[in-house]
Amino acid sequence: TKRVHALRARYKVPKGTPWFLSTSRMNLQSETCVMEIMAAAEMVKARTGEYPVLIVIDTLARAIGGDENKGEIMGKAIENLGVVQDDCGACVWVVHHTGKDASRGPRGHSNLPGATDTLIEVSKTDGVITAVVKKQKDDETGADLVFRLQQVEVGPGQYPDRPATTCVLEHLPPSEGDGPSGKAAEEKGAEEEEKVEEIKTE
């Protein structure tokens, strides 16, 4: 909640812009899962006149309701989220983690990356966060966004001399990240220059 207040203040989000948070535990294997999500969506519509345009599941591991490595478990979760997407007309955004070997992509069964329309990989190096589009169904991949967490005060804290704080994302130039527009591009360029130099030397 603190982060929401901080983001609204930092980016001057108009007062009354709808945003809703559910803290209830979700089980994507449950027969009533879709009904529960749609009930929440109907509540949003009753208050705003519209269904939500973005539904974020954070995280998949806490909501999947079973072993993420099993195809039938992952498949059921994807199926239920697909029904919600169709009924609401919303973008369903799932927060998930990679395994120990990040190069292998999202952990768990391969049903997940296979079913996604867009896959964005987020990494952090020396405090700089880079988000790179690794899969895009109807567009090119490789676009990158770069951020840094910046601490801000959001009001009085528990103690008089310690204000309550949280973080907001501060945008940085793509050149400062590890994505295709940043260090990866610089390293690739350096490698190509080195190859040219080797050829000239030979």
N, C-alpha and C. Protein backbone atom coordinates (compact mmCIF):
# COMPACT_ATOMS: atom_id res chain seq x y z
N THR A 1 0.83 -1.20 0.00
CA THR A 1 0.00 0.00 0.00
C THR A 1 0.87 1.26 0.00
N LYS A 2 1.97 1.22 0.77
CA LYS A 2 2.88 2.37 0.79
C LYS A 2 3.44 2.65 -0.60
N ARG A 3 3.77 1.59 -1.33
CA ARG A 3 4.34 1.78 -2.67
C ARG A 3 3.32 2.39 -3.62
N VAL A 4 2.07 1.99 -3.48
CA VAL A 4 1.03 2.57 -4.33
C VAL A 4 0.92 4.07 -4.09
N HIS A 5 0.89 4.49 -2.82
CA HIS A 5 0.82 5.92 -2.50
C HIS A 5 2.05 6.66 -3.05
N ALA A 6 3.22 6.04 -2.91
CA ALA A 6 4.45 6.68 -3.38
C ALA A 6 4.46 6.81 -4.90
N LEU A 7 4.03 5.77 -5.60
CA LEU A 7 4.00 5.81 -7.07
C LEU A 7 3.00 6.84 -7.57
N ARG A 8 1.84 6.91 -6.91
CA ARG A 8 0.84 7.89 -7.32
C ARG A 8 1.36 9.31 -7.15
N ALA A 9 2.09 9.54 -6.05
CA ALA A 9 2.63 10.87 -5.81
C ALA A 9 3.76 11.20 -6.79
N ARG A 10 4.67 10.24 -6.99
CA ARG A 10 5.83 10.48 -7.85
C ARG A 10 5.42 10.74 -9.30
N TYR A 11 4.50 9.91 -9.81
CA TYR A 11 4.12 10.02 -11.23
C TYR A 11 2.84 10.82 -11.45
N LYS A 12 2.38 11.50 -10.37
CA LYS A 12 1.22 12.38 -10.45
C LYS A 12 0.02 11.68 -11.10
N VAL A 13 -0.27 10.48 -10.60
CA VAL A 13 -1.43 9.73 -11.08
C VAL A 13 -2.69 10.47 -10.64
N PRO A 14 -3.62 10.75 -11.56
CA PRO A 14 -4.83 11.50 -11.19
C PRO A 14 -5.60 10.85 -10.05
N LYS A 15 -6.11 11.67 -9.14
CA LYS A 15 -6.88 11.17 -8.01
C LYS A 15 -8.10 10.42 -8.51
N GLY A 16 -8.35 9.27 -7.93
CA GLY A 16 -9.50 8.48 -8.34
C GLY A 16 -9.19 7.42 -9.38
N THR A 17 -7.94 7.41 -9.89
CA THR A 17 -7.56 6.36 -10.84
C THR A 17 -7.70 5.00 -10.15
N PRO A 18 -8.51 4.10 -10.72
CA PRO A 18 -8.80 2.86 -10.00
C PRO A 18 -7.63 1.89 -9.92
N TRP A 19 -7.43 1.38 -8.73
CA TRP A 19 -6.42 0.34 -8.47
C TRP A 19 -6.90 -0.45 -7.27
N PHE A 20 -6.92 -1.77 -7.38
CA PHE A 20 -7.47 -2.61 -6.34
C PHE A 20 -6.47 -3.71 -5.97
N LEU A 21 -6.42 -4.01 -4.68
CA LEU A 21 -5.51 -5.03 -4.16
C LEU A 21 -6.30 -6.09 -3.41
N SER A 22 -6.07 -7.35 -3.76
CA SER A 22 -6.67 -8.46 -3.02
C SER A 22 -5.55 -9.21 -2.31
N THR A 23 -5.74 -9.44 -1.02
CA THR A 23 -4.73 -10.17 -0.24
C THR A 23 -5.17 -11.60 0.04
N SER A 24 -6.29 -12.03 -0.54
CA SER A 24 -6.77 -13.39 -0.31
C SER A 24 -5.89 -14.39 -1.05
N ARG A 25 -5.73 -15.57 -0.48
CA ARG A 25 -4.91 -16.62 -1.08
C ARG A 25 -5.66 -17.25 -2.25
N MET A 26 -4.98 -17.37 -3.39
CA MET A 26 -5.59 -17.92 -4.59
C MET A 26 -5.08 -19.34 -4.85
N ASN A 27 -5.96 -20.20 -5.35
CA ASN A 27 -5.58 -21.55 -5.73
C ASN A 27 -6.07 -21.79 -7.16
N LEU A 28 -5.15 -21.75 -8.11
CA LEU A 28 -5.52 -21.88 -9.52
C LEU A 28 -5.92 -23.28 -9.93
N GLN A 29 -5.85 -24.22 -8.99
CA GLN A 29 -6.34 -25.58 -9.26
C GLN A 29 -7.79 -25.76 -8.80
N SER A 30 -8.29 -24.81 -8.03
CA SER A 30 -9.62 -24.94 -7.46
C SER A 30 -10.70 -24.80 -8.53
N GLU A 31 -11.78 -25.56 -8.37
CA GLU A 31 -12.91 -25.50 -9.30
C GLU A 31 -13.62 -24.15 -9.20
N THR A 32 -13.47 -23.47 -8.06
CA THR A 32 -14.14 -22.18 -7.87
C THR A 32 -13.23 -20.99 -8.14
N CYS A 33 -12.01 -21.27 -8.60
CA CYS A 33 -11.00 -20.21 -8.79
C CYS A 33 -11.50 -19.11 -9.73
N VAL A 34 -11.99 -19.51 -10.90
CA VAL A 34 -12.43 -18.53 -11.89
C VAL A 34 -13.58 -17.69 -11.32
N MET A 35 -14.52 -18.34 -10.64
CA MET A 35 -15.66 -17.62 -10.06
C MET A 35 -15.20 -16.60 -9.03
N GLU A 36 -14.18 -16.96 -8.24
CA GLU A 36 -13.68 -16.04 -7.22
C GLU A 36 -13.02 -14.82 -7.86
N ILE A 37 -12.21 -15.05 -8.90
CA ILE A 37 -11.56 -13.92 -9.58
C ILE A 37 -12.61 -13.05 -10.26
N MET A 38 -13.59 -13.68 -10.92
CA MET A 38 -14.62 -12.93 -11.61
C MET A 38 -15.51 -12.16 -10.64
N ALA A 39 -15.71 -12.70 -9.43
CA ALA A 39 -16.48 -11.98 -8.42
C ALA A 39 -15.76 -10.69 -8.04
N ALA A 40 -14.43 -10.77 -7.92
CA ALA A 40 -13.64 -9.57 -7.63
C ALA A 40 -13.71 -8.59 -8.80
N ALA A 41 -13.67 -9.12 -10.03
CA ALA A 41 -13.76 -8.27 -11.21
C ALA A 41 -15.12 -7.59 -11.29
N GLU A 42 -16.18 -8.31 -10.92
CA GLU A 42 -17.53 -7.73 -10.92
C GLU A 42 -17.62 -6.61 -9.87
N MET A 43 -16.94 -6.79 -8.74
CA MET A 43 -16.93 -5.76 -7.71
C MET A 43 -16.25 -4.49 -8.23
N VAL A 44 -15.15 -4.69 -8.98
CA VAL A 44 -14.46 -3.54 -9.59
C VAL A 44 -15.39 -2.84 -10.57
N LYS A 45 -16.09 -3.62 -11.38
CA LYS A 45 -17.01 -3.04 -12.36
C LYS A 45 -18.14 -2.27 -11.68
N ALA A 46 -18.64 -2.80 -10.57
CA ALA A 46 -19.71 -2.13 -9.84
C ALA A 46 -19.27 -0.77 -9.33
N ARG A 47 -17.99 -0.65 -8.97
CA ARG A 47 -17.47 0.61 -8.40
C ARG A 47 -17.00 1.58 -9.46
N THR A 48 -16.54 1.05 -10.61
CA THR A 48 -15.93 1.93 -11.62
C THR A 48 -16.72 1.99 -12.93
N GLY A 49 -17.61 1.01 -13.14
CA GLY A 49 -18.35 0.96 -14.40
C GLY A 49 -17.65 0.14 -15.47
N GLU A 50 -16.45 -0.37 -15.16
CA GLU A 50 -15.69 -1.15 -16.13
C GLU A 50 -14.99 -2.33 -15.45
N TYR A 51 -14.75 -3.37 -16.25
CA TYR A 51 -13.92 -4.47 -15.75
C TYR A 51 -12.47 -4.00 -15.68
N PRO A 52 -11.66 -4.63 -14.85
CA PRO A 52 -10.23 -4.27 -14.82
C PRO A 52 -9.58 -4.58 -16.17
N VAL A 53 -8.64 -3.73 -16.57
CA VAL A 53 -7.93 -3.95 -17.84
C VAL A 53 -6.63 -4.71 -17.62
N LEU A 54 -6.17 -4.78 -16.37
CA LEU A 54 -4.95 -5.50 -16.03
C LEU A 54 -5.15 -6.24 -14.72
N ILE A 55 -4.87 -7.55 -14.74
CA ILE A 55 -4.95 -8.37 -13.52
C ILE A 55 -3.57 -8.96 -13.28
N VAL A 56 -2.98 -8.67 -12.13
CA VAL A 56 -1.64 -9.14 -11.80
C VAL A 56 -1.71 -10.26 -10.77
N ILE A 57 -1.09 -11.38 -11.08
CA ILE A 57 -0.98 -12.51 -10.15
C ILE A 57 0.45 -12.53 -9.60
N ASP A 58 0.60 -12.28 -8.31
CA ASP A 58 1.94 -12.14 -7.71
C ASP A 58 2.00 -12.98 -6.43
N THR A 59 2.71 -14.09 -6.46
CA THR A 59 3.42 -14.71 -7.58
C THR A 59 2.69 -15.97 -8.00
N LEU A 60 3.09 -16.51 -9.17
CA LEU A 60 2.47 -17.73 -9.66
C LEU A 60 2.71 -18.89 -8.70
N ALA A 61 3.91 -18.96 -8.14
CA ALA A 61 4.26 -20.06 -7.24
C ALA A 61 3.33 -20.14 -6.04
N ARG A 62 2.87 -18.98 -5.55
CA ARG A 62 1.99 -18.95 -4.38
C ARG A 62 0.54 -19.22 -4.77
N ALA A 63 0.22 -19.04 -6.05
CA ALA A 63 -1.18 -19.16 -6.48
C ALA A 63 -1.48 -20.44 -7.25
N ILE A 64 -0.44 -21.15 -7.70
CA ILE A 64 -0.67 -22.25 -8.63
C ILE A 64 -1.38 -23.43 -7.98
N GLY A 65 -1.20 -23.65 -6.68
CA GLY A 65 -1.93 -24.69 -6.00
C GLY A 65 -1.45 -26.11 -6.26
N GLY A 66 -0.18 -26.25 -6.61
CA GLY A 66 0.37 -27.58 -6.88
C GLY A 66 1.81 -27.49 -7.33
N ASP A 67 2.32 -28.58 -7.88
CA ASP A 67 3.70 -28.66 -8.34
C ASP A 67 3.82 -27.99 -9.71
N GLU A 68 4.54 -26.88 -9.76
CA GLU A 68 4.67 -26.12 -11.01
C GLU A 68 5.43 -26.88 -12.09
N ASN A 69 6.10 -27.97 -11.72
CA ASN A 69 6.86 -28.76 -12.70
C ASN A 69 5.98 -29.78 -13.43
N LYS A 70 4.77 -29.97 -12.97
CA LYS A 70 3.88 -30.93 -13.60
C LYS A 70 3.02 -30.26 -14.66
N GLY A 71 2.98 -30.89 -15.85
CA GLY A 71 2.26 -30.30 -16.97
C GLY A 71 0.79 -30.10 -16.69
N GLU A 72 0.14 -31.06 -16.01
CA GLU A 72 -1.29 -30.94 -15.76
C GLU A 72 -1.61 -29.82 -14.77
N ILE A 73 -0.68 -29.60 -13.82
CA ILE A 73 -0.88 -28.51 -12.85
C ILE A 73 -0.72 -27.16 -13.53
N MET A 74 0.37 -26.98 -14.27
CA MET A 74 0.60 -25.72 -14.97
C MET A 74 -0.49 -25.49 -16.01
N GLY A 75 -0.89 -26.57 -16.71
CA GLY A 75 -1.92 -26.45 -17.74
C GLY A 75 -3.24 -25.98 -17.16
N LYS A 76 -3.62 -26.51 -16.00
CA LYS A 76 -4.87 -26.10 -15.36
C LYS A 76 -4.83 -24.64 -14.96
N ALA A 77 -3.69 -24.20 -14.43
CA ALA A 77 -3.54 -22.79 -14.04
C ALA A 77 -3.68 -21.88 -15.26
N ILE A 78 -3.02 -22.26 -16.34
CA ILE A 78 -3.08 -21.46 -17.57
C ILE A 78 -4.50 -21.42 -18.11
N GLU A 79 -5.18 -22.57 -18.06
CA GLU A 79 -6.56 -22.64 -18.56
C GLU A 79 -7.48 -21.71 -17.77
N ASN A 80 -7.37 -21.74 -16.44
CA ASN A 80 -8.22 -20.89 -15.61
C ASN A 80 -7.93 -19.41 -15.84
N LEU A 81 -6.66 -19.04 -15.97
CA LEU A 81 -6.32 -17.65 -16.23
C LEU A 81 -6.80 -17.22 -17.61
N GLY A 82 -6.80 -18.15 -18.56
CA GLY A 82 -7.32 -17.86 -19.90
C GLY A 82 -8.80 -17.57 -19.89
N VAL A 83 -9.55 -18.31 -19.06
CA VAL A 83 -10.99 -18.07 -18.94
C VAL A 83 -11.24 -16.67 -18.37
N VAL A 84 -10.47 -16.31 -17.35
CA VAL A 84 -10.60 -14.97 -16.76
C VAL A 84 -10.29 -13.91 -17.80
N GLN A 85 -9.24 -14.13 -18.57
CA GLN A 85 -8.85 -13.19 -19.62
C GLN A 85 -9.98 -13.00 -20.62
N ASP A 86 -10.59 -14.10 -21.04
CA ASP A 86 -11.68 -14.03 -22.02
C ASP A 86 -12.91 -13.34 -21.44
N ASP A 87 -13.26 -13.68 -20.20
CA ASP A 87 -14.47 -13.13 -19.60
C ASP A 87 -14.35 -11.65 -19.27
N CYS A 88 -13.14 -11.21 -18.86
CA CYS A 88 -12.92 -9.81 -18.49
C CYS A 88 -12.44 -8.96 -19.66
N GLY A 89 -11.79 -9.62 -20.61
CA GLY A 89 -11.13 -8.85 -21.67
C GLY A 89 -9.90 -8.13 -21.14
N ALA A 90 -9.32 -8.67 -20.07
CA ALA A 90 -8.18 -8.02 -19.41
C ALA A 90 -6.87 -8.69 -19.79
N CYS A 91 -5.78 -7.95 -19.62
CA CYS A 91 -4.44 -8.52 -19.70
C CYS A 91 -4.15 -9.19 -18.37
N VAL A 92 -3.77 -10.46 -18.40
CA VAL A 92 -3.40 -11.17 -17.17
C VAL A 92 -1.88 -11.24 -17.10
N TRP A 93 -1.34 -10.62 -16.09
CA TRP A 93 0.12 -10.49 -15.93
C TRP A 93 0.54 -11.36 -14.75
N VAL A 94 1.36 -12.36 -15.03
CA VAL A 94 1.80 -13.30 -14.01
C VAL A 94 3.25 -13.02 -13.64
N VAL A 95 3.49 -12.81 -12.35
CA VAL A 95 4.86 -12.63 -11.85
C VAL A 95 5.40 -14.00 -11.49
N HIS A 96 6.52 -14.37 -12.09
CA HIS A 96 7.09 -15.69 -11.87
C HIS A 96 8.61 -15.56 -11.77
N HIS A 97 9.27 -16.62 -11.32
CA HIS A 97 10.72 -16.59 -11.13
C HIS A 97 11.41 -17.57 -12.06
N THR A 98 12.66 -17.27 -12.36
CA THR A 98 13.50 -18.21 -13.08
C THR A 98 14.07 -19.21 -12.08
N GLY A 99 14.67 -20.28 -12.60
CA GLY A 99 15.34 -21.24 -11.74
C GLY A 99 16.75 -20.77 -11.44
N LYS A 100 17.57 -21.67 -10.92
CA LYS A 100 18.95 -21.32 -10.60
C LYS A 100 19.72 -20.91 -11.86
N ASP A 101 19.39 -21.55 -12.99
CA ASP A 101 20.00 -21.19 -14.26
C ASP A 101 19.04 -20.28 -15.01
N ALA A 102 19.24 -18.96 -14.88
CA ALA A 102 18.32 -17.99 -15.48
C ALA A 102 18.24 -18.10 -16.99
N SER A 103 19.28 -18.64 -17.63
CA SER A 103 19.29 -18.74 -19.09
C SER A 103 18.23 -19.72 -19.61
N ARG A 104 17.72 -20.57 -18.71
CA ARG A 104 16.71 -21.55 -19.10
C ARG A 104 15.30 -21.00 -19.01
N GLY A 105 15.18 -19.73 -18.61
CA GLY A 105 13.88 -19.08 -18.58
C GLY A 105 13.09 -19.40 -17.32
N PRO A 106 11.74 -19.21 -17.37
CA PRO A 106 10.91 -19.41 -16.19
C PRO A 106 11.01 -20.84 -15.66
N ARG A 107 11.02 -20.98 -14.36
CA ARG A 107 11.08 -22.32 -13.77
C ARG A 107 9.71 -22.99 -13.95
N GLY A 108 9.69 -24.29 -13.74
CA GLY A 108 8.45 -25.02 -13.86
C GLY A 108 8.25 -25.58 -15.27
N HIS A 109 7.04 -26.09 -15.53
CA HIS A 109 6.76 -26.76 -16.79
C HIS A 109 6.78 -25.79 -17.97
N SER A 110 7.18 -26.30 -19.13
CA SER A 110 7.31 -25.47 -20.34
C SER A 110 5.97 -25.01 -20.89
N ASN A 111 4.85 -25.50 -20.33
CA ASN A 111 3.53 -25.00 -20.74
C ASN A 111 3.43 -23.49 -20.57
N LEU A 112 4.08 -22.98 -19.54
CA LEU A 112 3.95 -21.55 -19.22
C LEU A 112 4.54 -20.65 -20.30
N PRO A 113 5.84 -20.75 -20.62
CA PRO A 113 6.36 -19.88 -21.68
C PRO A 113 5.70 -20.14 -23.02
N GLY A 114 5.25 -21.37 -23.24
CA GLY A 114 4.59 -21.68 -24.50
C GLY A 114 3.25 -20.99 -24.64
N ALA A 115 2.58 -20.71 -23.51
CA ALA A 115 1.24 -20.12 -23.55
C ALA A 115 1.26 -18.60 -23.47
N THR A 116 2.39 -18.01 -23.15
CA THR A 116 2.43 -16.56 -22.96
C THR A 116 2.47 -15.82 -24.29
N ASP A 117 1.84 -14.65 -24.31
CA ASP A 117 1.92 -13.77 -25.48
C ASP A 117 3.16 -12.88 -25.38
N THR A 118 3.48 -12.48 -24.17
CA THR A 118 4.64 -11.61 -23.93
C THR A 118 5.41 -12.13 -22.72
N LEU A 119 6.72 -12.23 -22.85
CA LEU A 119 7.57 -12.67 -21.76
C LEU A 119 8.63 -11.62 -21.52
N ILE A 120 8.64 -11.04 -20.32
CA ILE A 120 9.59 -9.99 -19.97
C ILE A 120 10.48 -10.50 -18.85
N GLU A 121 11.78 -10.50 -19.08
CA GLU A 121 12.75 -10.97 -18.09
C GLU A 121 13.34 -9.79 -17.35
N VAL A 122 13.27 -9.86 -16.02
CA VAL A 122 13.77 -8.76 -15.18
C VAL A 122 14.98 -9.24 -14.40
N SER A 123 16.07 -8.49 -14.46
CA SER A 123 17.29 -8.84 -13.73
C SER A 123 17.84 -7.59 -13.05
N LYS A 124 18.73 -7.82 -12.08
CA LYS A 124 19.29 -6.70 -11.32
C LYS A 124 20.79 -6.89 -11.16
N THR A 125 21.56 -5.88 -11.53
CA THR A 125 23.01 -5.91 -11.41
C THR A 125 23.49 -4.59 -10.82
N ASP A 126 24.18 -4.65 -9.69
CA ASP A 126 24.71 -3.45 -9.04
C ASP A 126 23.64 -2.38 -8.85
N GLY A 127 22.44 -2.79 -8.47
CA GLY A 127 21.37 -1.84 -8.19
C GLY A 127 20.60 -1.36 -9.40
N VAL A 128 21.03 -1.77 -10.59
CA VAL A 128 20.34 -1.36 -11.82
C VAL A 128 19.45 -2.51 -12.30
N ILE A 129 18.16 -2.22 -12.49
CA ILE A 129 17.17 -3.22 -12.89
C ILE A 129 16.92 -3.11 -14.39
N THR A 130 17.04 -4.22 -15.09
CA THR A 130 16.82 -4.24 -16.54
C THR A 130 15.68 -5.19 -16.87
N ALA A 131 14.70 -4.70 -17.62
CA ALA A 131 13.58 -5.52 -18.08
C ALA A 131 13.68 -5.66 -19.60
N VAL A 132 13.80 -6.89 -20.07
CA VAL A 132 13.99 -7.14 -21.51
C VAL A 132 12.86 -8.02 -22.03
N VAL A 133 12.27 -7.64 -23.15
CA VAL A 133 11.23 -8.45 -23.78
C VAL A 133 11.89 -9.64 -24.46
N LYS A 134 11.66 -10.85 -23.92
CA LYS A 134 12.27 -12.06 -24.46
C LYS A 134 11.35 -12.77 -25.45
N LYS A 135 10.04 -12.55 -25.34
CA LYS A 135 9.08 -13.14 -26.27
C LYS A 135 7.96 -12.14 -26.48
N GLN A 136 7.55 -11.96 -27.73
CA GLN A 136 6.45 -11.07 -28.05
C GLN A 136 5.70 -11.64 -29.23
N LYS A 137 4.48 -12.06 -29.01
CA LYS A 137 3.72 -12.79 -30.01
C LYS A 137 3.54 -12.01 -31.31
N ASP A 138 3.22 -10.71 -31.20
CA ASP A 138 2.89 -9.93 -32.39
C ASP A 138 3.85 -8.78 -32.66
N ASP A 139 5.04 -8.85 -32.12
CA ASP A 139 5.99 -7.77 -32.33
C ASP A 139 7.40 -8.30 -32.14
N GLU A 140 8.38 -7.41 -32.27
CA GLU A 140 9.77 -7.81 -32.14
C GLU A 140 10.16 -7.96 -30.67
N THR A 141 11.15 -8.78 -30.41
CA THR A 141 11.70 -8.92 -29.06
C THR A 141 12.91 -8.00 -28.91
N GLY A 142 13.43 -7.93 -27.70
CA GLY A 142 14.68 -7.21 -27.48
C GLY A 142 14.53 -5.83 -26.88
N ALA A 143 13.30 -5.27 -26.84
CA ALA A 143 13.13 -3.96 -26.24
C ALA A 143 13.49 -4.04 -24.75
N ASP A 144 14.15 -3.02 -24.24
CA ASP A 144 14.54 -3.05 -22.84
C ASP A 144 14.21 -1.74 -22.12
N LEU A 145 13.85 -1.89 -20.85
CA LEU A 145 13.59 -0.76 -19.96
C LEU A 145 14.53 -0.89 -18.77
N VAL A 146 15.01 0.24 -18.28
CA VAL A 146 16.00 0.22 -17.20
C VAL A 146 15.53 1.12 -16.06
N PHE A 147 15.70 0.63 -14.83
CA PHE A 147 15.23 1.35 -13.65
C PHE A 147 16.25 1.26 -12.51
N ARG A 148 15.96 2.05 -11.48
CA ARG A 148 16.68 1.93 -10.22
C ARG A 148 15.69 2.23 -9.11
N LEU A 149 15.75 1.47 -8.00
CA LEU A 149 14.88 1.74 -6.88
C LEU A 149 15.36 2.98 -6.13
N GLN A 150 14.44 3.89 -5.87
CA GLN A 150 14.79 5.10 -5.12
C GLN A 150 13.91 5.18 -3.88
N GLN A 151 14.54 5.33 -2.73
CA GLN A 151 13.79 5.38 -1.48
C GLN A 151 13.13 6.75 -1.31
N VAL A 152 11.87 6.74 -0.89
CA VAL A 152 11.13 7.99 -0.66
C VAL A 152 10.38 7.89 0.66
N GLU A 153 10.11 9.04 1.26
CA GLU A 153 9.33 9.09 2.49
C GLU A 153 7.85 9.20 2.14
N VAL A 154 7.02 8.49 2.92
CA VAL A 154 5.58 8.49 2.63
C VAL A 154 4.75 8.92 3.84
N GLY A 155 5.38 9.50 4.83
CA GLY A 155 4.64 9.96 5.99
C GLY A 155 5.32 9.58 7.29
N PRO A 156 4.67 9.88 8.42
CA PRO A 156 5.26 9.55 9.73
C PRO A 156 5.36 8.05 9.93
N GLY A 157 6.42 7.62 10.59
CA GLY A 157 6.63 6.21 10.85
C GLY A 157 6.24 5.81 12.25
N GLN A 158 6.73 4.66 12.66
CA GLN A 158 6.40 4.15 13.98
C GLN A 158 7.06 4.98 15.08
N TYR A 159 8.25 5.54 14.77
CA TYR A 159 8.97 6.35 15.74
C TYR A 159 9.05 7.79 15.24
N PRO A 160 9.02 8.78 16.16
CA PRO A 160 9.00 10.20 15.76
C PRO A 160 10.15 10.61 14.86
N ASP A 161 11.34 10.03 15.09
CA ASP A 161 12.52 10.44 14.32
C ASP A 161 12.76 9.57 13.09
N ARG A 162 11.83 8.65 12.80
CA ARG A 162 12.01 7.77 11.65
C ARG A 162 10.75 7.76 10.79
N PRO A 163 10.76 8.51 9.69
CA PRO A 163 9.58 8.52 8.82
C PRO A 163 9.40 7.18 8.11
N ALA A 164 8.18 6.88 7.73
CA ALA A 164 7.90 5.66 6.96
C ALA A 164 8.44 5.85 5.55
N THR A 165 9.11 4.84 5.04
CA THR A 165 9.70 4.93 3.71
C THR A 165 9.29 3.73 2.85
N THR A 166 9.43 3.90 1.55
CA THR A 166 9.24 2.81 0.59
C THR A 166 10.09 3.15 -0.64
N CYS A 167 9.88 2.43 -1.74
CA CYS A 167 10.68 2.67 -2.94
C CYS A 167 9.79 2.91 -4.15
N VAL A 168 10.28 3.71 -5.07
CA VAL A 168 9.66 3.88 -6.38
C VAL A 168 10.71 3.59 -7.43
N LEU A 169 10.26 3.30 -8.63
CA LEU A 169 11.18 3.04 -9.74
C LEU A 169 11.56 4.34 -10.43
N GLU A 170 12.84 4.57 -10.55
CA GLU A 170 13.35 5.73 -11.27
C GLU A 170 13.86 5.25 -12.63
N HIS A 171 13.32 5.80 -13.70
CA HIS A 171 13.72 5.39 -15.04
C HIS A 171 15.14 5.85 -15.35
N LEU A 172 15.89 4.98 -16.01
CA LEU A 172 17.25 5.29 -16.44
C LEU A 172 17.36 5.08 -17.94
N PRO A 173 18.37 5.67 -18.58
CA PRO A 173 18.58 5.43 -20.01
C PRO A 173 18.87 3.95 -20.26
N PRO A 174 18.37 3.36 -21.36
CA PRO A 174 18.63 1.95 -21.67
C PRO A 174 20.11 1.60 -21.71
N SER A 175 20.96 2.58 -22.02
CA SER A 175 22.40 2.33 -22.11
C SER A 175 23.00 1.94 -20.77
N GLU A 176 22.31 2.23 -19.66
CA GLU A 176 22.85 1.92 -18.34
C GLU A 176 22.49 0.51 -17.87
N GLY A 177 21.68 -0.21 -18.64
CA GLY A 177 21.25 -1.55 -18.23
C GLY A 177 22.05 -2.65 -18.88
N ASP A 178 21.64 -3.88 -18.58
CA ASP A 178 22.30 -5.07 -19.13
C ASP A 178 21.61 -5.60 -20.38
N GLY A 179 20.63 -4.88 -20.89
CA GLY A 179 19.86 -5.34 -22.03
C GLY A 179 20.54 -5.09 -23.36
N PRO A 180 19.82 -5.37 -24.47
CA PRO A 180 20.38 -5.20 -25.81
C PRO A 180 20.85 -3.78 -26.12
N SER A 181 20.26 -2.77 -25.44
CA SER A 181 20.67 -1.38 -25.69
C SER A 181 21.77 -0.92 -24.74
N GLY A 182 22.15 -1.78 -23.80
CA GLY A 182 23.12 -1.38 -22.79
C GLY A 182 24.43 -2.09 -22.89
N LYS A 183 24.84 -2.71 -21.78
CA LYS A 183 26.16 -3.33 -21.72
C LYS A 183 26.30 -4.47 -22.70
N ALA A 184 25.19 -5.18 -22.96
CA ALA A 184 25.27 -6.29 -23.90
C ALA A 184 25.66 -5.79 -25.28
N ALA A 185 25.10 -4.63 -25.67
CA ALA A 185 25.44 -4.05 -26.97
C ALA A 185 26.89 -3.58 -26.99
N GLU A 186 27.33 -2.99 -25.86
CA GLU A 186 28.71 -2.52 -25.77
C GLU A 186 29.69 -3.69 -25.87
N GLU A 187 29.38 -4.78 -25.15
CA GLU A 187 30.26 -5.95 -25.17
C GLU A 187 30.30 -6.57 -26.56
N LYS A 188 29.12 -6.63 -27.22
CA LYS A 188 29.09 -7.18 -28.57
C LYS A 188 29.91 -6.33 -29.52
N GLY A 189 29.78 -4.99 -29.37
CA GLY A 189 30.55 -4.08 -30.22
C GLY A 189 32.04 -4.23 -29.98
N ALA A 190 32.41 -4.41 -28.71
CA ALA A 190 33.83 -4.58 -28.37
C ALA A 190 34.37 -5.88 -28.96
N GLU A 191 33.57 -6.94 -28.92
CA GLU A 191 33.98 -8.22 -29.49
C GLU A 191 34.18 -8.11 -31.00
N GLU A 192 33.27 -7.41 -31.66
CA GLU A 192 33.38 -7.24 -33.12
C GLU A 192 34.62 -6.43 -33.48
N GLU A 193 34.90 -5.38 -32.69
CA GLU A 193 36.11 -4.58 -32.93
C GLU A 193 37.36 -5.42 -32.74
N GLU A 194 37.33 -6.29 -31.72
CA GLU A 194 38.48 -7.15 -31.45
C GLU A 194 38.71 -8.12 -32.60
N LYS A 195 37.60 -8.67 -33.14
CA LYS A 195 37.72 -9.59 -34.28
C LYS A 195 38.31 -8.89 -35.49
N VAL A 196 37.84 -7.65 -35.74
CA VAL A 196 38.36 -6.88 -36.86
C VAL A 196 39.84 -6.63 -36.69
N GLU A 197 40.25 -6.30 -35.47
CA GLU A 197 41.64 -6.02 -35.16
C GLU A 197 42.49 -7.26 -35.38
N GLU A 198 41.93 -8.43 -34.96
CA GLU A 198 42.66 -9.69 -35.15
C GLU A 198 42.84 -9.98 -36.63
N ILE A 199 41.80 -9.73 -37.39
CA ILE A 199 41.90 -9.98 -38.84
C ILE A 199 42.94 -9.06 -39.47
N LYS A 200 42.95 -7.79 -39.06
CA LYS A 200 43.93 -6.84 -39.59
C LYS A 200 45.34 -7.28 -39.22
N THR A 201 45.50 -7.75 -37.98
CA THR A 201 46.81 -8.18 -37.50
C THR A 201 47.32 -9.38 -38.29
N GLU A 202 46.40 -10.31 -38.56
CA GLU A 202 46.80 -11.50 -39.31
C GLU A 202 47.20 -11.13 -40.73
